[in-house]
N, C-alpha and C. Protein backbone atom coordinates (compact mmCIF):
# COMPACT_ATOMS: atom_id res chain seq x y z
N MET A 1 6.96 -111.72 -85.18
CA MET A 1 5.86 -111.60 -86.25
C MET A 1 5.13 -110.51 -85.54
N GLU A 2 5.07 -109.09 -86.39
CA GLU A 2 3.90 -108.07 -86.31
C GLU A 2 2.46 -108.35 -86.11
N PHE A 3 2.62 -109.04 -87.43
CA PHE A 3 1.05 -109.25 -87.96
C PHE A 3 0.08 -110.18 -86.88
N ILE A 4 1.02 -110.50 -85.90
CA ILE A 4 -0.04 -111.31 -84.75
C ILE A 4 -0.78 -110.28 -83.70
N ASP A 5 -0.17 -109.28 -83.70
CA ASP A 5 -0.95 -108.38 -83.06
C ASP A 5 -2.19 -107.84 -83.64
N PHE A 6 -2.05 -108.02 -84.73
CA PHE A 6 -3.58 -107.55 -85.75
C PHE A 6 -4.64 -108.97 -85.45
N LEU A 7 -4.39 -109.63 -84.71
CA LEU A 7 -5.17 -111.07 -85.11
C LEU A 7 -6.09 -111.21 -83.62
N ASP A 8 -7.37 -112.17 -84.07
CA ASP A 8 -8.23 -112.08 -83.31
C ASP A 8 -8.20 -113.90 -82.56
N ARG A 9 -8.81 -114.38 -81.35
CA ARG A 9 -8.58 -115.49 -81.03
C ARG A 9 -8.43 -116.35 -82.29
N THR A 10 -9.51 -116.23 -83.17
CA THR A 10 -9.65 -117.40 -84.35
C THR A 10 -8.68 -117.38 -85.42
N GLU A 11 -8.35 -116.34 -85.64
CA GLU A 11 -6.96 -116.27 -86.54
C GLU A 11 -5.88 -116.99 -85.91
N VAL A 12 -5.82 -116.80 -84.20
CA VAL A 12 -4.79 -117.52 -83.75
C VAL A 12 -4.78 -118.76 -83.50
N GLU A 13 -5.73 -119.25 -83.35
CA GLU A 13 -6.27 -120.69 -83.52
C GLU A 13 -6.13 -121.46 -85.63
N ILE A 14 -6.35 -120.50 -86.28
CA ILE A 14 -6.10 -120.82 -87.84
C ILE A 14 -4.50 -121.03 -88.15
N ILE A 15 -3.62 -120.28 -86.92
CA ILE A 15 -2.24 -120.43 -87.49
C ILE A 15 -1.46 -121.75 -86.59
N LYS A 16 -2.49 -122.06 -85.37
CA LYS A 16 -1.91 -122.89 -84.72
C LYS A 16 -2.36 -124.24 -85.66
N ILE A 17 -3.65 -124.25 -85.78
CA ILE A 17 -4.01 -125.32 -87.05
C ILE A 17 -2.93 -125.80 -88.38
N ILE A 18 -2.65 -124.39 -89.25
CA ILE A 18 -1.97 -124.70 -89.92
C ILE A 18 -0.67 -125.31 -89.43
N GLU A 19 0.04 -124.41 -88.46
CA GLU A 19 1.25 -125.26 -87.85
C GLU A 19 1.43 -126.93 -87.73
N LYS A 20 0.22 -126.70 -86.87
CA LYS A 20 -0.02 -128.67 -86.65
C LYS A 20 0.14 -129.36 -87.97
N ALA A 21 -0.32 -129.06 -89.11
CA ALA A 21 -0.18 -129.70 -90.32
C ALA A 21 1.11 -129.07 -91.00
N GLY A 22 2.04 -128.80 -90.57
CA GLY A 22 3.18 -128.60 -91.18
C GLY A 22 3.69 -127.38 -91.87
N TYR A 23 2.92 -126.91 -92.15
CA TYR A 23 2.93 -125.09 -92.39
C TYR A 23 3.53 -124.01 -91.80
N LYS A 24 4.02 -123.37 -92.31
CA LYS A 24 4.44 -121.73 -91.77
C LYS A 24 4.23 -120.62 -91.99
N THR A 25 4.07 -119.49 -91.11
CA THR A 25 3.68 -118.33 -91.71
C THR A 25 5.51 -117.33 -91.51
N ALA A 26 5.43 -116.61 -92.51
CA ALA A 26 6.38 -116.05 -92.75
C ALA A 26 5.83 -114.19 -93.01
N GLU A 27 6.37 -113.68 -92.80
CA GLU A 27 6.05 -111.77 -92.72
C GLU A 27 7.39 -111.18 -93.71
N ASN A 28 6.55 -110.53 -94.70
CA ASN A 28 7.37 -109.45 -95.21
C ASN A 28 8.58 -110.12 -96.15
N THR A 29 8.20 -110.95 -96.71
CA THR A 29 9.24 -112.02 -97.69
C THR A 29 8.99 -110.84 -99.02
N LYS A 30 10.52 -111.28 -100.11
CA LYS A 30 10.22 -110.40 -101.17
C LYS A 30 9.23 -110.85 -102.07
N LEU A 31 8.02 -111.39 -101.91
CA LEU A 31 7.14 -111.74 -102.85
C LEU A 31 6.31 -110.42 -102.38
N CYS A 32 6.12 -109.84 -101.24
CA CYS A 32 5.49 -108.60 -100.64
C CYS A 32 6.15 -107.14 -101.99
N LEU A 33 7.13 -107.42 -102.18
CA LEU A 33 7.28 -106.23 -102.92
C LEU A 33 6.81 -106.18 -104.69
N LEU A 34 6.69 -107.49 -105.05
CA LEU A 34 5.41 -107.31 -106.46
C LEU A 34 4.75 -106.43 -106.59
N SER A 35 3.98 -106.06 -105.78
CA SER A 35 3.09 -104.79 -105.60
C SER A 35 2.54 -104.86 -104.05
N GLU A 36 2.08 -103.21 -103.74
CA GLU A 36 1.63 -102.74 -102.41
C GLU A 36 0.32 -103.57 -102.55
N SER A 37 -0.48 -103.84 -103.49
CA SER A 37 -1.91 -104.10 -103.21
C SER A 37 -1.72 -105.77 -102.80
N TYR A 38 -0.76 -106.24 -102.53
CA TYR A 38 -0.80 -107.85 -102.41
C TYR A 38 -0.75 -107.55 -100.68
N VAL A 39 -1.57 -108.41 -100.11
CA VAL A 39 -1.35 -108.57 -98.20
C VAL A 39 -0.75 -109.80 -97.95
N GLY A 40 -1.05 -110.96 -98.83
CA GLY A 40 -0.44 -112.24 -98.42
C GLY A 40 -0.18 -112.99 -99.73
N PHE A 41 0.33 -114.33 -99.37
CA PHE A 41 0.78 -115.10 -100.37
C PHE A 41 0.52 -116.73 -99.90
N PHE A 42 0.26 -117.74 -100.79
CA PHE A 42 0.61 -118.68 -100.14
C PHE A 42 1.87 -119.63 -101.22
N ASP A 43 3.09 -120.07 -100.38
CA ASP A 43 4.39 -120.59 -101.26
C ASP A 43 4.01 -122.08 -101.31
N ARG A 44 3.46 -122.72 -101.51
CA ARG A 44 3.19 -124.53 -101.75
C ARG A 44 4.56 -124.96 -102.05
N LYS A 45 5.32 -124.69 -102.33
CA LYS A 45 6.73 -125.85 -102.10
C LYS A 45 7.34 -125.50 -101.24
N LYS A 46 7.57 -124.10 -100.43
CA LYS A 46 7.67 -124.13 -99.25
C LYS A 46 7.02 -124.53 -97.97
N LYS A 47 5.79 -124.36 -98.17
CA LYS A 47 4.47 -124.71 -97.17
C LYS A 47 4.12 -123.70 -96.31
N GLU A 48 4.21 -122.65 -96.69
CA GLU A 48 4.47 -121.25 -96.25
C GLU A 48 3.11 -120.43 -96.39
N ILE A 49 2.61 -119.66 -95.46
CA ILE A 49 1.81 -118.37 -95.43
C ILE A 49 2.93 -117.67 -95.73
N ILE A 50 2.78 -116.22 -96.49
CA ILE A 50 3.22 -115.43 -96.47
C ILE A 50 2.46 -113.83 -95.58
N ILE A 51 2.60 -113.06 -94.86
CA ILE A 51 1.70 -111.89 -94.58
C ILE A 51 2.50 -110.60 -94.67
N CYS A 52 2.10 -109.89 -95.63
CA CYS A 52 2.44 -108.66 -96.05
C CYS A 52 2.43 -107.06 -95.14
N THR A 53 2.49 -107.44 -93.89
CA THR A 53 2.18 -106.07 -93.00
C THR A 53 2.73 -105.49 -93.47
N SER A 54 3.93 -105.17 -93.94
CA SER A 54 4.18 -103.62 -94.49
C SER A 54 2.97 -102.69 -95.32
N ASN A 55 2.83 -104.25 -96.80
CA ASN A 55 1.59 -103.66 -97.19
C ASN A 55 0.08 -103.48 -96.61
N ALA A 56 -0.17 -104.11 -95.83
CA ALA A 56 -1.65 -103.80 -95.35
C ALA A 56 -1.43 -102.86 -94.41
N LYS A 57 -0.57 -102.12 -93.84
CA LYS A 57 -0.23 -100.54 -92.88
C LYS A 57 -0.58 -99.80 -94.06
N MET A 58 0.00 -99.86 -95.28
CA MET A 58 -0.04 -99.18 -95.85
C MET A 58 -1.75 -98.70 -96.64
N ARG A 59 -1.86 -100.14 -96.86
CA ARG A 59 -3.20 -99.89 -97.49
C ARG A 59 -4.43 -99.24 -96.41
N GLY A 60 -3.74 -99.61 -94.88
CA GLY A 60 -5.21 -99.04 -93.91
C GLY A 60 -4.22 -98.04 -93.48
N GLY A 61 -3.69 -97.34 -94.14
CA GLY A 61 -3.29 -95.69 -93.60
C GLY A 61 -2.82 -95.76 -92.30
N TYR A 62 -1.95 -97.41 -91.89
CA TYR A 62 -1.56 -97.01 -90.80
C TYR A 62 0.18 -96.54 -90.52
N THR A 63 0.34 -95.45 -89.63
CA THR A 63 2.04 -95.10 -89.71
C THR A 63 2.08 -94.82 -87.88
N LEU A 64 3.34 -95.08 -87.24
CA LEU A 64 3.77 -94.73 -86.37
C LEU A 64 2.79 -93.36 -85.71
N LEU A 65 2.77 -92.30 -86.11
CA LEU A 65 2.13 -91.38 -86.19
C LEU A 65 0.38 -91.48 -85.35
N ARG A 66 0.06 -92.31 -86.51
CA ARG A 66 -0.96 -92.64 -86.44
C ARG A 66 -1.76 -94.26 -85.72
N LYS A 67 -0.94 -94.32 -85.08
CA LYS A 67 -1.04 -95.87 -84.49
C LYS A 67 -2.44 -96.15 -83.84
N LYS A 68 -2.31 -94.89 -82.61
CA LYS A 68 -3.24 -94.96 -81.97
C LYS A 68 -4.78 -95.19 -82.10
N ASP A 69 -4.81 -94.41 -83.24
CA ASP A 69 -6.03 -93.93 -84.23
C ASP A 69 -6.58 -95.90 -84.83
N LYS A 70 -7.82 -95.82 -83.86
CA LYS A 70 -8.91 -97.02 -83.82
C LYS A 70 -9.03 -97.48 -85.01
N ASP A 71 -9.56 -96.23 -85.90
CA ASP A 71 -10.11 -97.15 -87.23
C ASP A 71 -9.20 -97.69 -87.89
N ILE A 72 -8.21 -96.84 -87.72
CA ILE A 72 -6.95 -97.19 -88.76
C ILE A 72 -6.30 -98.81 -88.44
N HIS A 73 -6.37 -98.85 -87.11
CA HIS A 73 -5.64 -99.84 -86.49
C HIS A 73 -6.63 -101.10 -86.67
N GLU A 74 -7.78 -100.84 -87.19
CA GLU A 74 -8.67 -101.54 -87.59
C GLU A 74 -8.74 -102.38 -89.00
N ARG A 75 -9.00 -101.53 -89.71
CA ARG A 75 -8.52 -101.41 -91.26
C ARG A 75 -7.57 -102.32 -91.65
N THR A 76 -6.60 -102.20 -90.61
CA THR A 76 -5.27 -102.83 -91.24
C THR A 76 -5.09 -104.28 -90.73
N ALA A 77 -5.93 -104.44 -89.35
CA ALA A 77 -5.85 -105.50 -89.02
C ALA A 77 -6.97 -106.65 -89.83
N LEU A 78 -8.10 -105.60 -90.25
CA LEU A 78 -9.51 -106.71 -90.99
C LEU A 78 -8.23 -107.11 -92.22
N HIS A 79 -7.43 -106.01 -92.93
CA HIS A 79 -6.44 -106.37 -94.08
C HIS A 79 -5.81 -107.63 -93.76
N ILE A 80 -5.31 -107.80 -93.06
CA ILE A 80 -4.16 -108.80 -92.22
C ILE A 80 -5.07 -110.26 -91.88
N LYS A 81 -5.93 -110.00 -91.47
CA LYS A 81 -6.84 -111.01 -91.07
C LYS A 81 -7.72 -112.02 -92.00
N LYS A 82 -7.79 -110.81 -93.39
CA LYS A 82 -8.47 -111.57 -94.81
C LYS A 82 -7.32 -112.41 -95.49
N ALA A 83 -6.10 -111.83 -95.07
CA ALA A 83 -5.18 -112.30 -96.31
C ALA A 83 -4.36 -113.50 -95.49
N LEU A 84 -4.73 -113.71 -93.97
CA LEU A 84 -4.33 -114.62 -93.20
C LEU A 84 -5.63 -116.25 -93.65
N ARG A 85 -6.85 -115.65 -93.60
CA ARG A 85 -7.73 -116.64 -93.89
C ARG A 85 -7.82 -117.25 -95.23
N HIS A 86 -7.62 -116.17 -96.12
CA HIS A 86 -7.42 -116.64 -97.71
C HIS A 86 -6.69 -117.66 -97.95
N GLU A 87 -5.22 -117.30 -97.30
CA GLU A 87 -4.54 -117.87 -97.69
C GLU A 87 -4.47 -119.63 -96.65
N ALA A 88 -5.26 -119.24 -95.56
CA ALA A 88 -4.95 -120.63 -94.84
C ALA A 88 -6.35 -121.63 -95.51
N VAL A 89 -7.20 -120.88 -96.76
CA VAL A 89 -7.98 -121.46 -97.26
C VAL A 89 -7.32 -122.20 -98.26
N HIS A 90 -5.64 -121.79 -98.92
CA HIS A 90 -5.14 -122.38 -99.71
C HIS A 90 -4.71 -123.87 -99.13
N VAL A 91 -3.89 -123.63 -97.76
CA VAL A 91 -3.48 -124.84 -96.89
C VAL A 91 -4.27 -125.97 -97.15
N ALA A 92 -5.99 -125.53 -96.48
CA ALA A 92 -6.71 -126.57 -96.64
C ALA A 92 -6.90 -127.30 -97.84
N GLN A 93 -7.03 -126.50 -99.13
CA GLN A 93 -7.05 -126.68 -100.19
C GLN A 93 -5.93 -127.78 -100.64
N GLU A 94 -4.63 -127.29 -99.99
CA GLU A 94 -3.40 -128.91 -100.21
C GLU A 94 -3.50 -129.54 -99.56
N CYS A 95 -4.32 -129.61 -97.58
CA CYS A 95 -4.52 -131.08 -97.23
C CYS A 95 -5.29 -131.61 -97.91
N ASN A 96 -6.44 -131.42 -98.99
CA ASN A 96 -7.53 -131.94 -99.46
C ASN A 96 -7.21 -132.49 -100.89
N ASN A 97 -5.58 -132.92 -100.86
CA ASN A 97 -5.21 -133.55 -102.30
C ASN A 97 -5.10 -132.22 -103.26
N GLY A 98 -5.02 -130.61 -102.84
CA GLY A 98 -4.81 -130.30 -104.03
C GLY A 98 -6.10 -129.76 -104.68
N ASN A 99 -7.59 -130.20 -104.16
CA ASN A 99 -8.26 -130.23 -104.65
C ASN A 99 -9.71 -128.97 -103.80
N LEU A 100 -10.75 -128.78 -104.44
CA LEU A 100 -11.74 -127.72 -104.17
C LEU A 100 -12.01 -127.87 -102.53
N LEU A 101 -12.17 -127.19 -101.65
CA LEU A 101 -13.04 -127.86 -100.67
C LEU A 101 -14.52 -128.20 -100.58
N LYS A 102 -15.13 -128.99 -99.92
CA LYS A 102 -16.41 -129.07 -100.03
C LYS A 102 -17.38 -128.14 -99.37
N ILE A 103 -17.68 -127.10 -99.96
CA ILE A 103 -18.23 -126.00 -99.01
C ILE A 103 -19.75 -125.82 -99.49
N ASP A 104 -21.16 -125.18 -98.75
CA ASP A 104 -22.26 -124.74 -99.50
C ASP A 104 -22.17 -124.23 -100.95
N ARG A 105 -22.43 -124.79 -101.97
CA ARG A 105 -22.99 -124.01 -103.04
C ARG A 105 -23.20 -122.54 -103.06
N LYS A 106 -24.56 -122.31 -102.14
CA LYS A 106 -25.00 -121.13 -102.05
C LYS A 106 -23.93 -119.79 -101.75
N LEU A 107 -22.55 -120.78 -101.11
CA LEU A 107 -21.65 -119.27 -100.77
C LEU A 107 -21.14 -118.28 -101.96
N SER A 108 -21.08 -117.61 -101.83
CA SER A 108 -20.85 -116.26 -103.11
C SER A 108 -20.26 -115.41 -102.97
N MET A 109 -19.14 -115.08 -103.92
CA MET A 109 -18.33 -114.10 -103.40
C MET A 109 -18.45 -112.50 -103.81
N ASN A 110 -18.06 -111.75 -103.29
CA ASN A 110 -18.82 -110.23 -103.10
C ASN A 110 -18.19 -109.80 -104.64
N SER A 111 -18.77 -109.10 -104.98
CA SER A 111 -18.46 -108.72 -106.33
C SER A 111 -17.38 -107.73 -106.35
N SER A 112 -17.28 -106.96 -104.96
CA SER A 112 -16.15 -106.04 -105.03
C SER A 112 -14.80 -106.33 -105.00
N LYS A 113 -14.65 -107.83 -104.97
CA LYS A 113 -13.62 -108.96 -104.83
C LYS A 113 -13.07 -108.99 -106.10
N LEU A 114 -13.69 -108.70 -107.30
CA LEU A 114 -13.15 -108.94 -108.45
C LEU A 114 -12.18 -108.55 -109.33
N LYS A 115 -11.95 -107.17 -108.70
CA LYS A 115 -10.27 -107.02 -109.12
C LYS A 115 -9.06 -107.86 -108.25
N ALA A 116 -9.24 -107.90 -106.98
CA ALA A 116 -8.43 -108.73 -106.71
C ALA A 116 -8.28 -110.17 -107.03
N LEU A 117 -9.55 -110.72 -107.22
CA LEU A 117 -9.66 -112.02 -107.65
C LEU A 117 -9.00 -112.52 -109.25
N ASN A 118 -9.00 -111.25 -110.28
CA ASN A 118 -8.50 -111.50 -111.18
C ASN A 118 -6.78 -111.29 -111.04
N GLY A 119 -6.42 -110.40 -110.05
CA GLY A 119 -4.90 -110.43 -109.78
C GLY A 119 -4.39 -111.90 -109.01
N SER A 120 -5.28 -112.31 -108.25
CA SER A 120 -4.91 -113.74 -107.92
C SER A 120 -4.61 -114.67 -109.11
N ILE A 121 -5.37 -114.66 -109.31
CA ILE A 121 -5.80 -115.63 -110.63
C ILE A 121 -3.97 -115.52 -111.96
N LYS A 122 -4.11 -114.34 -111.91
CA LYS A 122 -2.56 -113.89 -112.56
C LYS A 122 -1.47 -114.59 -111.84
N ILE A 123 -1.54 -114.69 -110.73
CA ILE A 123 -0.05 -115.52 -110.09
C ILE A 123 -0.84 -116.50 -109.97
N SER A 124 -1.35 -116.82 -109.58
CA SER A 124 -1.67 -118.48 -109.30
C SER A 124 -2.16 -119.38 -110.35
N GLY A 125 -3.07 -118.83 -111.14
CA GLY A 125 -3.46 -119.79 -112.74
C GLY A 125 -4.80 -120.44 -112.36
N GLU A 126 -5.32 -120.44 -110.91
CA GLU A 126 -6.06 -121.27 -110.31
C GLU A 126 -7.60 -120.25 -109.90
N GLU A 127 -8.25 -120.01 -111.13
CA GLU A 127 -9.38 -119.38 -110.85
C GLU A 127 -10.54 -119.82 -109.78
N GLU A 128 -11.06 -120.96 -109.59
CA GLU A 128 -11.77 -121.71 -108.84
C GLU A 128 -11.18 -121.96 -107.16
N LYS A 129 -9.59 -122.42 -106.94
CA LYS A 129 -9.59 -122.05 -105.62
C LYS A 129 -9.16 -120.80 -105.66
N GLU A 130 -9.07 -120.04 -106.06
CA GLU A 130 -8.87 -118.36 -105.66
C GLU A 130 -9.86 -117.96 -105.37
N ARG A 131 -11.23 -118.06 -105.98
CA ARG A 131 -13.08 -117.97 -106.00
C ARG A 131 -13.34 -117.99 -104.40
N GLN A 132 -13.07 -119.43 -104.52
CA GLN A 132 -13.49 -120.22 -102.80
C GLN A 132 -12.51 -119.29 -101.58
N ALA A 133 -11.49 -119.44 -101.82
CA ALA A 133 -10.53 -118.32 -100.64
C ALA A 133 -11.14 -117.21 -100.67
N TYR A 134 -11.88 -116.35 -101.59
CA TYR A 134 -12.26 -115.08 -101.53
C TYR A 134 -13.55 -115.19 -100.79
N ILE A 135 -14.36 -116.39 -101.39
CA ILE A 135 -15.83 -116.73 -100.64
C ILE A 135 -15.27 -116.98 -99.43
N LEU A 136 -14.55 -117.38 -98.34
CA LEU A 136 -14.28 -118.06 -97.55
C LEU A 136 -13.69 -117.11 -96.66
N GLU A 137 -13.18 -115.90 -96.97
CA GLU A 137 -11.93 -115.26 -96.14
C GLU A 137 -12.57 -114.55 -95.33
N ASP A 138 -14.01 -114.11 -96.08
CA ASP A 138 -15.06 -113.23 -94.63
C ASP A 138 -15.65 -114.26 -93.68
N LYS A 139 -15.00 -115.46 -93.45
CA LYS A 139 -15.97 -116.79 -93.03
C LYS A 139 -15.12 -117.36 -92.05
N PRO A 140 -14.34 -116.46 -90.89
CA PRO A 140 -12.99 -117.04 -90.16
C PRO A 140 -13.56 -118.53 -89.49
N LYS A 141 -14.46 -118.84 -88.78
CA LYS A 141 -15.45 -119.85 -88.06
C LYS A 141 -15.30 -120.68 -89.56
N LEU A 142 -15.74 -120.85 -90.22
CA LEU A 142 -15.66 -121.59 -91.52
C LEU A 142 -14.24 -121.98 -92.03
N VAL A 143 -13.06 -121.19 -91.99
CA VAL A 143 -11.89 -121.19 -92.03
C VAL A 143 -10.95 -122.35 -91.37
N GLU A 144 -11.71 -122.24 -90.11
CA GLU A 144 -10.97 -122.68 -88.78
C GLU A 144 -11.70 -124.64 -89.19
N LYS A 145 -12.74 -124.07 -89.25
CA LYS A 145 -13.49 -125.56 -89.51
C LYS A 145 -12.89 -126.70 -90.46
N GLU A 146 -12.85 -125.94 -91.74
CA GLU A 146 -12.03 -126.44 -93.02
C GLU A 146 -11.14 -126.86 -92.80
N LEU A 147 -10.13 -126.51 -92.26
CA LEU A 147 -8.52 -126.62 -91.61
C LEU A 147 -8.50 -127.90 -91.02
N LYS A 148 -9.53 -128.04 -89.57
CA LYS A 148 -9.74 -129.13 -88.75
C LYS A 148 -9.92 -130.13 -89.48
N LYS A 149 -11.59 -130.11 -90.69
CA LYS A 149 -11.58 -131.51 -91.25
C LYS A 149 -10.34 -131.64 -92.04
N TYR A 150 -9.85 -130.77 -93.19
CA TYR A 150 -8.99 -131.54 -94.15
C TYR A 150 -7.35 -131.72 -93.64
N CYS A 151 -7.56 -130.94 -92.58
CA CYS A 151 -5.67 -131.02 -91.95
C CYS A 151 -5.49 -131.65 -90.88
N LEU A 152 -6.49 -131.74 -90.06
CA LEU A 152 -5.81 -132.50 -89.19
C LEU A 152 -6.14 -133.97 -88.64
């Protein structure tokens, strides 16, 4: 899976925890064709996180010709890492019997994510779970901690 080339150590550890908990990862499935703006999905029924690497590359400006451009690679990597962490939060919520995680109430979501939040709510119908995933997607170590707490 190509998206693994864009991950840091923490995200690789997140994948290991997810797999230990009985979940899989997939890449560029039909769900990714819904819109180029989506970089990840969580399929609860299949117990699968889907990373839309092609969409992340488009959003980051990544092409074969520009592959060596460090800024473009980092921008693409950031889209992929955030998507993985976001969907991993949904795995942790599932491991918590489908409930919200018990995180610090002082943590808040960056207002620049409101449009993305609204798009996610349209698909999942679960505003608070999506809000929590958007809050935590910028906190890789906290996502890892929550997965260990609820899934292992």
